[in-house]
Amino acid sequence: MAALSCHLQFSSRNATLRPTISCSMQPSQSNIKVIVNGAAKEIGRAAVVAVTKARGMEVVGAVDTFCVGQDIGKVCDMEEPLEIPIMGDLTMVLGSISQLRETVVVVDFTHPSTVYDNVKQATAFGMRSVVYVPRIELDTVAALSTFCDKASMGCLIAPTLSIGSILLQQAAITASYHYNNVEIVESRPTARDLPSQDAVQIASNLSNLGQLYNKEDISTDVPARGQVLGEDGVRVHSMVLPGLASSTTVYFSGPGEVFTLKHEITDVQSLMPGLLVAIRKVVRQKVIWNGAGLWTLDSGLWTLDSGSGFPFLLEDYHKQIIGYTLQGCCPF
């Protein structure tokens, strides 16, 4: 479909300015096609709605083992059905959509055990992937890095899609240079996977800065003092309170003062702005980021671009590992 582009210009003739209009037909940029794998999950349903409403994107496929055959628009309680049935076979969906010969991104919300095969299949069909699956094993990330390097196809693995979480981690890194005492307190509705990935990430960030925290009782083994993460004395206390919002609080203290950073997630909608940025970035980025897909190597950190309002990559910032990238893409 073509778009009409017109420009108003002023030309000077006999000392008089006369307006002229020049028009040209330009091909419009096609939308990014998005396949959501794990579409029936809460985060998957939110992703379908967010992508449908986003400019320059559209959902073209939905994959899940639940609600198979149902229209994903109806499953998401949208006003109008999307006429896209949920399919249980990822390969079938990839094969069908690949015939469109357009830019396609597969968003993966499945499980650590299936991520590798899912990304391999998407790559085989010439599609990029955005993966948001907590607790991915290091071996899986390493294997994906090797595979994507050979295939010259990008994949983005996001430990978090929350912009607020990234800002908290940035602020914690800055504060750590000024305080010698730090504790992390988190709350989650269930005890699954505690301490959380956020707490582990913050402790890892702070432990790589050459600072030694909580020197007065760094070697204590009193259970009530919480779990020490890393080698630099950062402690985390995890609370499980059903009904309480998922939150992460970092306490810093110095002589005569306490500095507190807190982030709460009350709804999965908070992850959608980060997801949309990730989709756009994995498509646009053409540079090969050397080895940045490995947790133990180079890394990226979100920061906010005051000009565009979108996060962009601040590569290798204090060697912090917040966004992981594989060949052909970068953290958003």
C-alpha atoms as a PDB file:
ATOM      1  CA  MET A   1       0.000   0.000   0.000  1.00  0.00           C
ATOM      2  CA  ALA A   2       1.407   3.417  -0.957  1.00  0.00           C
ATOM      3  CA  ALA A   3       1.290   6.633   1.037  1.00  0.00           C
ATOM      4  CA  LEU A   4       0.918  10.129  -0.419  1.00  0.00           C
ATOM      5  CA  SER A   5       3.631  12.491   0.842  1.00  0.00           C
ATOM      6  CA  CYS A   6       3.219  16.252   0.233  1.00  0.00           C
ATOM      7  CA  HIS A   7       5.482  19.192   1.076  1.00  0.00           C
ATOM      8  CA  LEU A   8       4.673  22.897   1.072  1.00  0.00           C
ATOM      9  CA  GLN A   9       7.442  25.069  -0.378  1.00  0.00           C
ATOM     10  CA  PHE A  10       7.825  28.764  -1.144  1.00  0.00           C
ATOM     11  CA  SER A  11       9.460  30.018  -4.325  1.00  0.00           C
ATOM     12  CA  SER A  12      10.533  33.560  -5.033  1.00  0.00           C
ATOM     13  CA  ARG A  13       9.444  35.162  -8.328  1.00  0.00           C
ATOM     14  CA  ASN A  14       9.523  38.890  -9.017  1.00  0.00           C
ATOM     15  CA  ALA A  15      10.244  39.549  -5.341  1.00  0.00           C
ATOM     16  CA  THR A  16       7.038  37.737  -4.412  1.00  0.00           C
ATOM     17  CA  LEU A  17       6.888  34.528  -2.390  1.00  0.00           C
ATOM     18  CA  ARG A  18       4.562  31.998  -3.953  1.00  0.00           C
ATOM     19  CA  PRO A  19       3.601  28.738  -2.251  1.00  0.00           C
ATOM     20  CA  THR A  20       3.971  25.507  -4.192  1.00  0.00           C
ATOM     21  CA  ILE A  21       2.992  21.998  -3.186  1.00  0.00           C
ATOM     22  CA  SER A  22       4.955  18.945  -4.310  1.00  0.00           C
ATOM     23  CA  CYS A  23       3.585  15.464  -3.775  1.00  0.00           C
ATOM     24  CA  SER A  24       5.012  11.988  -4.258  1.00  0.00           C
ATOM     25  CA  MET A  25       3.872   8.438  -3.692  1.00  0.00           C
ATOM     26  CA  GLN A  26       5.990   6.457  -1.237  1.00  0.00           C
ATOM     27  CA  PRO A  27       5.587   2.838  -0.171  1.00  0.00           C
ATOM     28  CA  SER A  28       4.352   2.571   3.390  1.00  0.00           C
ATOM     29  CA  GLN A  29       6.370   0.623   5.897  1.00  0.00           C
ATOM     30  CA  SER A  30       4.803  -2.747   6.636  1.00  0.00           C
ATOM     31  CA  ASN A  31       3.889  -3.710  10.169  1.00  0.00           C
ATOM     32  CA  ILE A  32       6.038  -5.994  12.274  1.00  0.00           C
ATOM     33  CA  LYS A  33       4.286  -9.349  12.385  1.00  0.00           C
ATOM     34  CA  VAL A  34       4.261 -10.873  15.866  1.00  0.00           C
ATOM     35  CA  ILE A  35       3.685 -14.470  16.934  1.00  0.00           C
ATOM     36  CA  VAL A  36       2.994 -14.932  20.652  1.00  0.00           C
ATOM     37  CA  ASN A  37       4.101 -18.304  22.032  1.00  0.00           C
ATOM     38  CA  GLY A  38       2.407 -18.817  25.380  1.00  0.00           C
ATOM     39  CA  ALA A  39      -0.525 -16.683  24.284  1.00  0.00           C
ATOM     40  CA  ALA A  40      -3.065 -18.128  26.734  1.00  0.00           C
ATOM     41  CA  LYS A  41      -0.993 -17.157  29.775  1.00  0.00           C
ATOM     42  CA  GLU A  42      -1.782 -13.920  31.580  1.00  0.00           C
ATOM     43  CA  ILE A  43       1.315 -12.229  30.183  1.00  0.00           C
ATOM     44  CA  GLY A  44       0.629 -13.701  26.751  1.00  0.00           C
ATOM     45  CA  ARG A  45      -2.891 -12.295  26.684  1.00  0.00           C
ATOM     46  CA  ALA A  46      -1.587  -8.904  27.780  1.00  0.00           C
ATOM     47  CA  ALA A  47       1.024  -9.064  25.015  1.00  0.00           C
ATOM     48  CA  VAL A  48      -1.606  -9.796  22.366  1.00  0.00           C
ATOM     49  CA  VAL A  49      -3.626  -6.759  23.424  1.00  0.00           C
ATOM     50  CA  ALA A  50      -0.550  -4.506  23.646  1.00  0.00           C
ATOM     51  CA  VAL A  51       0.785  -5.526  20.232  1.00  0.00           C
ATOM     52  CA  THR A  52      -2.649  -5.126  18.631  1.00  0.00           C
ATOM     53  CA  LYS A  53      -2.915  -1.570  19.957  1.00  0.00           C
ATOM     54  CA  ALA A  54       0.700  -0.644  19.171  1.00  0.00           C
ATOM     55  CA  ARG A  55       1.565   1.361  16.094  1.00  0.00           C
ATOM     56  CA  GLY A  56       3.413  -0.575  13.409  1.00  0.00           C
ATOM     57  CA  MET A  57       2.742  -4.045  14.808  1.00  0.00           C
ATOM     58  CA  GLU A  58       0.150  -6.743  14.446  1.00  0.00           C
ATOM     59  CA  VAL A  59      -0.444 -10.195  15.889  1.00  0.00           C
ATOM     60  CA  VAL A  60      -0.418 -12.887  13.207  1.00  0.00           C
ATOM     61  CA  GLY A  61      -0.111 -16.046  15.288  1.00  0.00           C
ATOM     62  CA  ALA A  62      -0.905 -17.413  18.751  1.00  0.00           C
ATOM     63  CA  VAL A  63       0.537 -20.628  20.178  1.00  0.00           C
ATOM     64  CA  ASP A  64      -0.307 -22.421  23.415  1.00  0.00           C
ATOM     65  CA  THR A  65      -1.333 -25.817  24.738  1.00  0.00           C
ATOM     66  CA  PHE A  66      -4.438 -24.322  26.361  1.00  0.00           C
ATOM     67  CA  CYS A  67      -7.536 -22.919  24.659  1.00  0.00           C
ATOM     68  CA  VAL A  68      -6.469 -24.543  21.378  1.00  0.00           C
ATOM     69  CA  GLY A  69      -8.814 -23.602  18.554  1.00  0.00           C
ATOM     70  CA  GLN A  70     -10.282 -20.589  20.323  1.00  0.00           C
ATOM     71  CA  ASP A  71      -9.926 -17.116  18.861  1.00  0.00           C
ATOM     72  CA  ILE A  72      -7.125 -15.306  20.686  1.00  0.00           C
ATOM     73  CA  GLY A  73      -9.083 -12.049  20.573  1.00  0.00           C
ATOM     74  CA  LYS A  74     -11.964 -13.623  22.476  1.00  0.00           C
ATOM     75  CA  VAL A  75      -9.576 -15.312  24.932  1.00  0.00           C
ATOM     76  CA  CYS A  76      -8.119 -11.847  25.617  1.00  0.00           C
ATOM     77  CA  ASP A  77     -11.614 -10.374  26.106  1.00  0.00           C
ATOM     78  CA  MET A  78     -11.093  -7.946  23.247  1.00  0.00           C
ATOM     79  CA  GLU A  79     -14.077  -6.139  21.761  1.00  0.00           C
ATOM     80  CA  GLU A  80     -13.629  -7.777  18.375  1.00  0.00           C
ATOM     81  CA  PRO A  81     -12.241 -11.251  17.576  1.00  0.00           C
ATOM     82  CA  LEU A  82      -8.881 -11.238  15.804  1.00  0.00           C
ATOM     83  CA  GLU A  83      -9.826 -14.274  13.710  1.00  0.00           C
ATOM     84  CA  ILE A  84      -6.582 -15.914  14.837  1.00  0.00           C
ATOM     85  CA  PRO A  85      -7.098 -19.327  16.457  1.00  0.00           C
ATOM     86  CA  ILE A  86      -4.740 -20.506  19.150  1.00  0.00           C
ATOM     87  CA  MET A  87      -2.643 -23.349  17.739  1.00  0.00           C
ATOM     88  CA  GLY A  88      -0.849 -26.042  19.666  1.00  0.00           C
ATOM     89  CA  ASP A  89       1.854 -26.626  17.037  1.00  0.00           C
ATOM     90  CA  LEU A  90       4.542 -23.942  16.838  1.00  0.00           C
ATOM     91  CA  THR A  91       6.129 -25.429  13.719  1.00  0.00           C
ATOM     92  CA  MET A  92       2.846 -25.276  11.819  1.00  0.00           C
ATOM     93  CA  VAL A  93       2.344 -21.619  12.736  1.00  0.00           C
ATOM     94  CA  LEU A  94       5.918 -20.684  11.813  1.00  0.00           C
ATOM     95  CA  GLY A  95       5.632 -22.444   8.461  1.00  0.00           C
ATOM     96  CA  SER A  96       2.361 -20.738   7.631  1.00  0.00           C
ATOM     97  CA  ILE A  97       3.479 -17.238   8.627  1.00  0.00           C
ATOM     98  CA  SER A  98       6.853 -17.574   6.898  1.00  0.00           C
ATOM     99  CA  GLN A  99       5.030 -17.588   3.553  1.00  0.00           C
ATOM    100  CA  LEU A 100       4.169 -13.923   4.116  1.00  0.00           C
ATOM    101  CA  ARG A 101       7.853 -13.088   3.550  1.00  0.00           C
ATOM    102  CA  GLU A 102       7.681 -10.168   5.959  1.00  0.00           C
ATOM    103  CA  THR A 103       9.441  -9.157   9.174  1.00  0.00           C
ATOM    104  CA  VAL A 104       8.307 -11.523  11.915  1.00  0.00           C
ATOM    105  CA  VAL A 105       9.184 -11.626  15.614  1.00  0.00           C
ATOM    106  CA  VAL A 106       8.324 -14.574  17.851  1.00  0.00           C
ATOM    107  CA  VAL A 107       7.686 -13.601  21.475  1.00  0.00           C
ATOM    108  CA  ASP A 108       8.352 -16.560  23.774  1.00  0.00           C
ATOM    109  CA  PHE A 109       6.709 -16.826  27.209  1.00  0.00           C
ATOM    110  CA  THR A 110       6.957 -20.607  27.498  1.00  0.00           C
ATOM    111  CA  HIS A 111       9.424 -22.508  29.704  1.00  0.00           C
ATOM    112  CA  PRO A 112      13.222 -22.715  30.104  1.00  0.00           C
ATOM    113  CA  SER A 113      13.178 -26.314  28.862  1.00  0.00           C
ATOM    114  CA  THR A 114      11.585 -25.387  25.524  1.00  0.00           C
ATOM    115  CA  VAL A 115      13.248 -22.043  24.748  1.00  0.00           C
ATOM    116  CA  TYR A 116      16.220 -23.488  22.854  1.00  0.00           C
ATOM    117  CA  ASP A 117      14.102 -25.546  20.455  1.00  0.00           C
ATOM    118  CA  ASN A 118      11.635 -22.681  20.000  1.00  0.00           C
ATOM    119  CA  VAL A 119      14.351 -20.201  19.037  1.00  0.00           C
ATOM    120  CA  LYS A 120      15.968 -22.752  16.700  1.00  0.00           C
ATOM    121  CA  GLN A 121      12.682 -23.265  14.887  1.00  0.00           C
ATOM    122  CA  ALA A 122      11.999 -19.545  14.582  1.00  0.00           C
ATOM    123  CA  THR A 123      15.513 -18.933  13.294  1.00  0.00           C
ATOM    124  CA  ALA A 124      15.152 -21.716  10.730  1.00  0.00           C
ATOM    125  CA  PHE A 125      12.165 -19.850   9.300  1.00  0.00           C
ATOM    126  CA  GLY A 126      14.074 -16.548   9.233  1.00  0.00           C
ATOM    127  CA  MET A 127      12.366 -15.032  12.275  1.00  0.00           C
ATOM    128  CA  ARG A 128      13.858 -13.202  15.240  1.00  0.00           C
ATOM    129  CA  SER A 129      12.880 -13.994  18.819  1.00  0.00           C
ATOM    130  CA  VAL A 130      12.213 -12.073  22.006  1.00  0.00           C
ATOM    131  CA  VAL A 131      12.376 -14.399  25.011  1.00  0.00           C
ATOM    132  CA  TYR A 132      10.997 -13.544  28.440  1.00  0.00           C
ATOM    133  CA  VAL A 133      11.290 -16.755  30.411  1.00  0.00           C
ATOM    134  CA  PRO A 134      12.748 -16.413  33.923  1.00  0.00           C
ATOM    135  CA  ARG A 135      15.357 -18.853  35.199  1.00  0.00           C
ATOM    136  CA  ILE A 136      16.940 -19.749  31.876  1.00  0.00           C
ATOM    137  CA  GLU A 137      20.011 -21.889  32.449  1.00  0.00           C
ATOM    138  CA  LEU A 138      23.434 -20.552  31.529  1.00  0.00           C
ATOM    139  CA  ASP A 139      24.019 -23.548  29.288  1.00  0.00           C
ATOM    140  CA  THR A 140      20.889 -22.704  27.316  1.00  0.00           C
ATOM    141  CA  VAL A 141      21.991 -19.104  26.826  1.00  0.00           C
ATOM    142  CA  ALA A 142      25.448 -20.248  25.729  1.00  0.00           C
ATOM    143  CA  ALA A 143      23.989 -22.758  23.275  1.00  0.00           C
ATOM    144  CA  LEU A 144      21.656 -20.139  21.825  1.00  0.00           C
ATOM    145  CA  SER A 145      24.542 -17.719  21.447  1.00  0.00           C
ATOM    146  CA  THR A 146      26.517 -20.261  19.441  1.00  0.00           C
ATOM    147  CA  PHE A 147      23.527 -21.206  17.312  1.00  0.00           C
ATOM    148  CA  CYS A 148      22.498 -17.624  16.525  1.00  0.00           C
ATOM    149  CA  ASP A 149      26.083 -16.721  15.702  1.00  0.00           C
ATOM    150  CA  LYS A 150      26.202 -19.458  13.073  1.00  0.00           C
ATOM    151  CA  ALA A 151      22.766 -18.588  11.743  1.00  0.00           C
ATOM    152  CA  SER A 152      23.422 -14.820  11.702  1.00  0.00           C
ATOM    153  CA  MET A 153      19.974 -14.295  13.149  1.00  0.00           C
ATOM    154  CA  GLY A 154      19.177 -12.256  16.231  1.00  0.00           C
ATOM    155  CA  CYS A 155      17.496 -13.168  19.492  1.00  0.00           C
ATOM    156  CA  LEU A 156      16.856 -11.069  22.566  1.00  0.00           C
ATOM    157  CA  ILE A 157      16.669 -12.665  26.011  1.00  0.00           C
ATOM    158  CA  ALA A 158      15.144 -10.288  28.557  1.00  0.00           C
ATOM    159  CA  PRO A 159      15.622 -11.040  32.265  1.00  0.00           C
ATOM    160  CA  THR A 160      12.985  -8.363  32.879  1.00  0.00           C
ATOM    161  CA  LEU A 161      10.611  -6.332  30.766  1.00  0.00           C
ATOM    162  CA  SER A 162       9.886  -3.833  33.525  1.00  0.00           C
ATOM    163  CA  ILE A 163      11.327  -0.394  32.922  1.00  0.00           C
ATOM    164  CA  GLY A 164      10.839   0.389  36.612  1.00  0.00           C
ATOM    165  CA  SER A 165      12.931  -2.623  37.587  1.00  0.00           C
ATOM    166  CA  ILE A 166      15.735  -1.458  35.320  1.00  0.00           C
ATOM    167  CA  LEU A 167      15.599   2.045  36.776  1.00  0.00           C
ATOM    168  CA  LEU A 168      15.753   0.568  40.288  1.00  0.00           C
ATOM    169  CA  GLN A 169      18.849  -1.397  39.373  1.00  0.00           C
ATOM    170  CA  GLN A 170      20.493   1.654  37.849  1.00  0.00           C
ATOM    171  CA  ALA A 171      19.766   3.719  40.943  1.00  0.00           C
ATOM    172  CA  ALA A 172      21.076   0.948  43.200  1.00  0.00           C
ATOM    173  CA  ILE A 173      24.358   0.841  41.279  1.00  0.00           C
ATOM    174  CA  THR A 174      24.765   4.603  41.667  1.00  0.00           C
ATOM    175  CA  ALA A 175      23.919   4.525  45.391  1.00  0.00           C
ATOM    176  CA  SER A 176      26.317   1.662  46.099  1.00  0.00           C
ATOM    177  CA  TYR A 177      29.298   3.968  45.589  1.00  0.00           C
ATOM    178  CA  HIS A 178      28.168   6.093  48.532  1.00  0.00           C
ATOM    179  CA  TYR A 179      26.959   3.573  51.136  1.00  0.00           C
ATOM    180  CA  ASN A 180      28.619   0.620  52.851  1.00  0.00           C
ATOM    181  CA  ASN A 181      25.478  -1.089  54.126  1.00  0.00           C
ATOM    182  CA  VAL A 182      22.811  -2.566  51.885  1.00  0.00           C
ATOM    183  CA  GLU A 183      19.931  -5.016  52.316  1.00  0.00           C
ATOM    184  CA  ILE A 184      17.364  -6.240  49.783  1.00  0.00           C
ATOM    185  CA  VAL A 185      13.814  -6.964  50.922  1.00  0.00           C
ATOM    186  CA  GLU A 186      11.341  -8.467  48.475  1.00  0.00           C
ATOM    187  CA  SER A 187       7.782  -9.735  48.591  1.00  0.00           C
ATOM    188  CA  ARG A 188       6.122 -12.219  46.280  1.00  0.00           C
ATOM    189  CA  PRO A 189       2.680 -13.886  46.356  1.00  0.00           C
ATOM    190  CA  THR A 190       4.224 -17.387  46.188  1.00  0.00           C
ATOM    191  CA  ALA A 191       7.455 -19.003  47.367  1.00  0.00           C
ATOM    192  CA  ARG A 192       8.368 -20.248  43.901  1.00  0.00           C
ATOM    193  CA  ASP A 193      11.892 -19.387  42.776  1.00  0.00           C
ATOM    194  CA  LEU A 194      12.991 -17.353  45.772  1.00  0.00           C
ATOM    195  CA  PRO A 195      15.084 -15.315  45.984  1.00  0.00           C
ATOM    196  CA  SER A 196      13.625 -13.769  42.849  1.00  0.00           C
ATOM    197  CA  GLN A 197      15.526 -13.050  39.660  1.00  0.00           C
ATOM    198  CA  ASP A 198      15.317  -9.326  40.447  1.00  0.00           C
ATOM    199  CA  ALA A 199      16.952  -9.758  43.853  1.00  0.00           C
ATOM    200  CA  VAL A 200      19.634 -12.045  42.460  1.00  0.00           C
ATOM    201  CA  GLN A 201      20.321  -9.551  39.676  1.00  0.00           C
ATOM    202  CA  ILE A 202      20.630  -6.569  42.004  1.00  0.00           C
ATOM    203  CA  ALA A 203      22.939  -8.485  44.348  1.00  0.00           C
ATOM    204  CA  SER A 204      25.037  -9.586  41.378  1.00  0.00           C
ATOM    205  CA  ASN A 205      25.272  -6.016  40.104  1.00  0.00           C
ATOM    206  CA  LEU A 206      26.366  -4.643  43.455  1.00  0.00           C
ATOM    207  CA  SER A 207      28.800  -7.486  44.056  1.00  0.00           C
ATOM    208  CA  ASN A 208      30.777  -6.696  40.927  1.00  0.00           C
ATOM    209  CA  LEU A 209      31.690  -3.136  41.868  1.00  0.00           C
ATOM    210  CA  GLY A 210      34.573  -3.804  44.263  1.00  0.00           C
ATOM    211  CA  GLN A 211      32.577  -2.733  47.336  1.00  0.00           C
ATOM    212  CA  LEU A 212      32.318  -4.727  50.585  1.00  0.00           C
ATOM    213  CA  TYR A 213      28.981  -4.299  52.355  1.00  0.00           C
ATOM    214  CA  ASN A 214      27.692  -4.921  55.882  1.00  0.00           C
ATOM    215  CA  LYS A 215      31.174  -5.416  57.300  1.00  0.00           C
ATOM    216  CA  GLU A 216      29.964  -5.556  60.898  1.00  0.00           C
ATOM    217  CA  ASP A 217      28.208  -8.905  60.472  1.00  0.00           C
ATOM    218  CA  ILE A 218      29.298 -10.104  57.044  1.00  0.00           C
ATOM    219  CA  SER A 219      30.166 -13.560  58.383  1.00  0.00           C
ATOM    220  CA  THR A 220      27.122 -14.112  60.617  1.00  0.00           C
ATOM    221  CA  ASP A 221      25.122 -17.293  60.066  1.00  0.00           C
ATOM    222  CA  VAL A 222      21.981 -16.190  61.912  1.00  0.00           C
ATOM    223  CA  PRO A 223      19.071 -17.294  59.662  1.00  0.00           C
ATOM    224  CA  ALA A 224      17.046 -14.198  60.469  1.00  0.00           C
ATOM    225  CA  ARG A 225      19.725 -12.053  58.821  1.00  0.00           C
ATOM    226  CA  GLY A 226      18.726 -13.341  55.423  1.00  0.00           C
ATOM    227  CA  GLN A 227      20.657 -15.023  52.645  1.00  0.00           C
ATOM    228  CA  VAL A 228      23.972 -13.631  51.449  1.00  0.00           C
ATOM    229  CA  LEU A 229      24.104 -13.413  47.672  1.00  0.00           C
ATOM    230  CA  GLY A 230      27.509 -13.065  46.077  1.00  0.00           C
ATOM    231  CA  GLU A 231      30.809 -12.604  47.857  1.00  0.00           C
ATOM    232  CA  ASP A 232      30.486  -8.980  48.952  1.00  0.00           C
ATOM    233  CA  GLY A 233      27.950  -9.268  51.759  1.00  0.00           C
ATOM    234  CA  VAL A 234      24.685  -8.286  50.015  1.00  0.00           C
ATOM    235  CA  ARG A 235      21.778  -9.846  51.914  1.00  0.00           C
ATOM    236  CA  VAL A 236      18.270 -10.562  50.674  1.00  0.00           C
ATOM    237  CA  HIS A 237      15.121 -11.157  52.734  1.00  0.00           C
ATOM    238  CA  SER A 238      12.190 -12.738  50.882  1.00  0.00           C
ATOM    239  CA  MET A 239       8.610 -12.445  52.117  1.00  0.00           C
ATOM    240  CA  VAL A 240       5.723 -14.550  50.832  1.00  0.00           C
ATOM    241  CA  LEU A 241       2.415 -12.798  51.419  1.00  0.00           C
ATOM    242  CA  PRO A 242      -0.526 -13.721  49.157  1.00  0.00           C
ATOM    243  CA  GLY A 243      -2.395 -10.602  48.130  1.00  0.00           C
ATOM    244  CA  LEU A 244       0.636  -8.352  48.513  1.00  0.00           C
ATOM    245  CA  ALA A 245       2.022  -6.736  45.386  1.00  0.00           C
ATOM    246  CA  SER A 246       5.304  -8.098  44.087  1.00  0.00           C
ATOM    247  CA  SER A 247       7.887  -5.621  45.289  1.00  0.00           C
ATOM    248  CA  THR A 248      11.630  -5.178  45.577  1.00  0.00           C
ATOM    249  CA  THR A 249      13.130  -2.732  48.081  1.00  0.00           C
ATOM    250  CA  VAL A 250      16.805  -1.903  48.435  1.00  0.00           C
ATOM    251  CA  TYR A 251      17.903  -0.242  51.668  1.00  0.00           C
ATOM    252  CA  PHE A 252      21.184   1.661  51.862  1.00  0.00           C
ATOM    253  CA  SER A 253      22.441   3.258  55.046  1.00  0.00           C
ATOM    254  CA  GLY A 254      25.254   5.490  56.170  1.00  0.00           C
ATOM    255  CA  PRO A 255      25.992   7.572  59.265  1.00  0.00           C
ATOM    256  CA  GLY A 256      22.724   9.246  60.241  1.00  0.00           C
ATOM    257  CA  GLU A 257      20.685   8.375  57.139  1.00  0.00           C
ATOM    258  CA  VAL A 258      18.826   5.646  55.286  1.00  0.00           C
ATOM    259  CA  PHE A 259      18.299   5.701  51.519  1.00  0.00           C
ATOM    260  CA  THR A 260      15.466   3.509  50.208  1.00  0.00           C
ATOM    261  CA  LEU A 261      14.658   2.391  46.663  1.00  0.00           C
ATOM    262  CA  LYS A 262      11.410   0.531  46.033  1.00  0.00           C
ATOM    263  CA  HIS A 263       9.663  -0.874  43.000  1.00  0.00           C
ATOM    264  CA  GLU A 264       6.244  -2.557  42.925  1.00  0.00           C
ATOM    265  CA  ILE A 265       4.508  -4.450  40.160  1.00  0.00           C
ATOM    266  CA  THR A 266       0.764  -4.517  40.598  1.00  0.00           C
ATOM    267  CA  ASP A 267      -0.212  -5.720  37.127  1.00  0.00           C
ATOM    268  CA  VAL A 268       1.360  -7.534  34.206  1.00  0.00           C
ATOM    269  CA  GLN A 269       0.550  -4.463  32.097  1.00  0.00           C
ATOM    270  CA  SER A 270       3.691  -2.877  33.543  1.00  0.00           C
ATOM    271  CA  LEU A 271       5.771  -5.196  31.342  1.00  0.00           C
ATOM    272  CA  MET A 272       4.156  -4.238  28.046  1.00  0.00           C
ATOM    273  CA  PRO A 273       6.076  -0.997  27.286  1.00  0.00           C
ATOM    274  CA  GLY A 274       9.322  -2.913  27.673  1.00  0.00           C
ATOM    275  CA  LEU A 275       8.035  -5.718  25.456  1.00  0.00           C
ATOM    276  CA  LEU A 276       7.138  -3.323  22.639  1.00  0.00           C
ATOM    277  CA  VAL A 277      10.576  -1.712  22.849  1.00  0.00           C
ATOM    278  CA  ALA A 278      12.177  -5.159  22.719  1.00  0.00           C
ATOM    279  CA  ILE A 279      10.232  -6.127  19.602  1.00  0.00           C
ATOM    280  CA  ARG A 280      11.200  -2.931  17.808  1.00  0.00           C
ATOM    281  CA  LYS A 281      14.844  -3.196  18.819  1.00  0.00           C
ATOM    282  CA  VAL A 282      15.351  -6.812  17.815  1.00  0.00           C
ATOM    283  CA  VAL A 283      14.064  -5.937  14.347  1.00  0.00           C
ATOM    284  CA  ARG A 284      16.026  -2.729  13.824  1.00  0.00           C
ATOM    285  CA  GLN A 285      19.364  -3.758  15.261  1.00  0.00           C
ATOM    286  CA  LYS A 286      21.713  -5.060  12.570  1.00  0.00           C
ATOM    287  CA  VAL A 287      25.013  -4.829  14.442  1.00  0.00           C
ATOM    288  CA  ILE A 288      26.594  -8.012  15.781  1.00  0.00           C
ATOM    289  CA  TRP A 289      27.173  -7.572  19.501  1.00  0.00           C
ATOM    290  CA  ASN A 290      30.226  -9.667  20.254  1.00  0.00           C
ATOM    291  CA  GLY A 291      29.396 -12.316  22.822  1.00  0.00           C
ATOM    292  CA  ALA A 292      26.910 -10.125  24.650  1.00  0.00           C
ATOM    293  CA  GLY A 293      24.442 -12.983  24.841  1.00  0.00           C
ATOM    294  CA  LEU A 294      26.337 -14.717  27.629  1.00  0.00           C
ATOM    295  CA  TRP A 295      25.612 -13.848  31.206  1.00  0.00           C
ATOM    296  CA  THR A 296      29.301 -14.104  32.057  1.00  0.00           C
ATOM    297  CA  LEU A 297      30.524 -11.845  29.241  1.00  0.00           C
ATOM    298  CA  ASP A 298      29.649  -8.372  28.016  1.00  0.00           C
ATOM    299  CA  SER A 299      26.303  -7.017  28.955  1.00  0.00           C
ATOM    300  CA  GLY A 300      23.859  -4.247  28.447  1.00  0.00           C
ATOM    301  CA  LEU A 301      21.937  -1.917  30.687  1.00  0.00           C
ATOM    302  CA  TRP A 302      18.735  -0.070  29.995  1.00  0.00           C
ATOM    303  CA  THR A 303      18.819   3.657  30.316  1.00  0.00           C
ATOM    304  CA  LEU A 304      16.245   6.219  29.248  1.00  0.00           C
ATOM    305  CA  ASP A 305      16.831   8.364  26.208  1.00  0.00           C
ATOM    306  CA  SER A 306      15.510  11.801  27.114  1.00  0.00           C
ATOM    307  CA  GLY A 307      14.999  12.587  23.450  1.00  0.00           C
ATOM    308  CA  SER A 308      12.851   9.642  22.423  1.00  0.00           C
ATOM    309  CA  GLY A 309      11.486   8.499  25.749  1.00  0.00           C
ATOM    310  CA  PHE A 310      12.519   4.925  24.952  1.00  0.00           C
ATOM    311  CA  PRO A 311      15.213   2.898  26.699  1.00  0.00           C
ATOM    312  CA  PHE A 312      18.385   2.283  24.747  1.00  0.00           C
ATOM    313  CA  LEU A 313      21.494   0.210  25.293  1.00  0.00           C
ATOM    314  CA  LEU A 314      24.331   1.570  27.400  1.00  0.00           C
ATOM    315  CA  GLU A 315      26.765  -1.174  26.518  1.00  0.00           C
ATOM    316  CA  ASP A 316      29.083  -2.682  29.110  1.00  0.00           C
ATOM    317  CA  TYR A 317      28.061  -0.271  31.879  1.00  0.00           C
ATOM    318  CA  HIS A 318      30.127  -1.386  34.866  1.00  0.00           C
ATOM    319  CA  LYS A 319      29.913  -4.916  33.398  1.00  0.00           C
ATOM    320  CA  GLN A 320      26.343  -5.228  34.641  1.00  0.00           C
ATOM    321  CA  ILE A 321      24.245  -8.018  33.226  1.00  0.00           C
ATOM    322  CA  ILE A 322      20.716  -6.728  32.896  1.00  0.00           C
ATOM    323  CA  GLY A 323      19.837  -7.295  29.250  1.00  0.00           C
ATOM    324  CA  TYR A 324      21.354 -10.292  27.474  1.00  0.00           C
ATOM    325  CA  THR A 325      21.791 -10.299  23.728  1.00  0.00           C
ATOM    326  CA  LEU A 326      22.669 -12.754  21.049  1.00  0.00           C
ATOM    327  CA  GLN A 327      24.004 -12.024  17.591  1.00  0.00           C
ATOM    328  CA  GLY A 328      22.161  -9.409  15.594  1.00  0.00           C
ATOM    329  CA  CYS A 329      20.325  -7.694  18.410  1.00  0.00           C
ATOM    330  CA  CYS A 330      20.776  -5.814  21.607  1.00  0.00           C
ATOM    331  CA  PRO A 331      18.982  -4.980  24.863  1.00  0.00           C
ATOM    332  CA  PHE A 332      16.413  -2.315  24.355  1.00  0.00           C
END
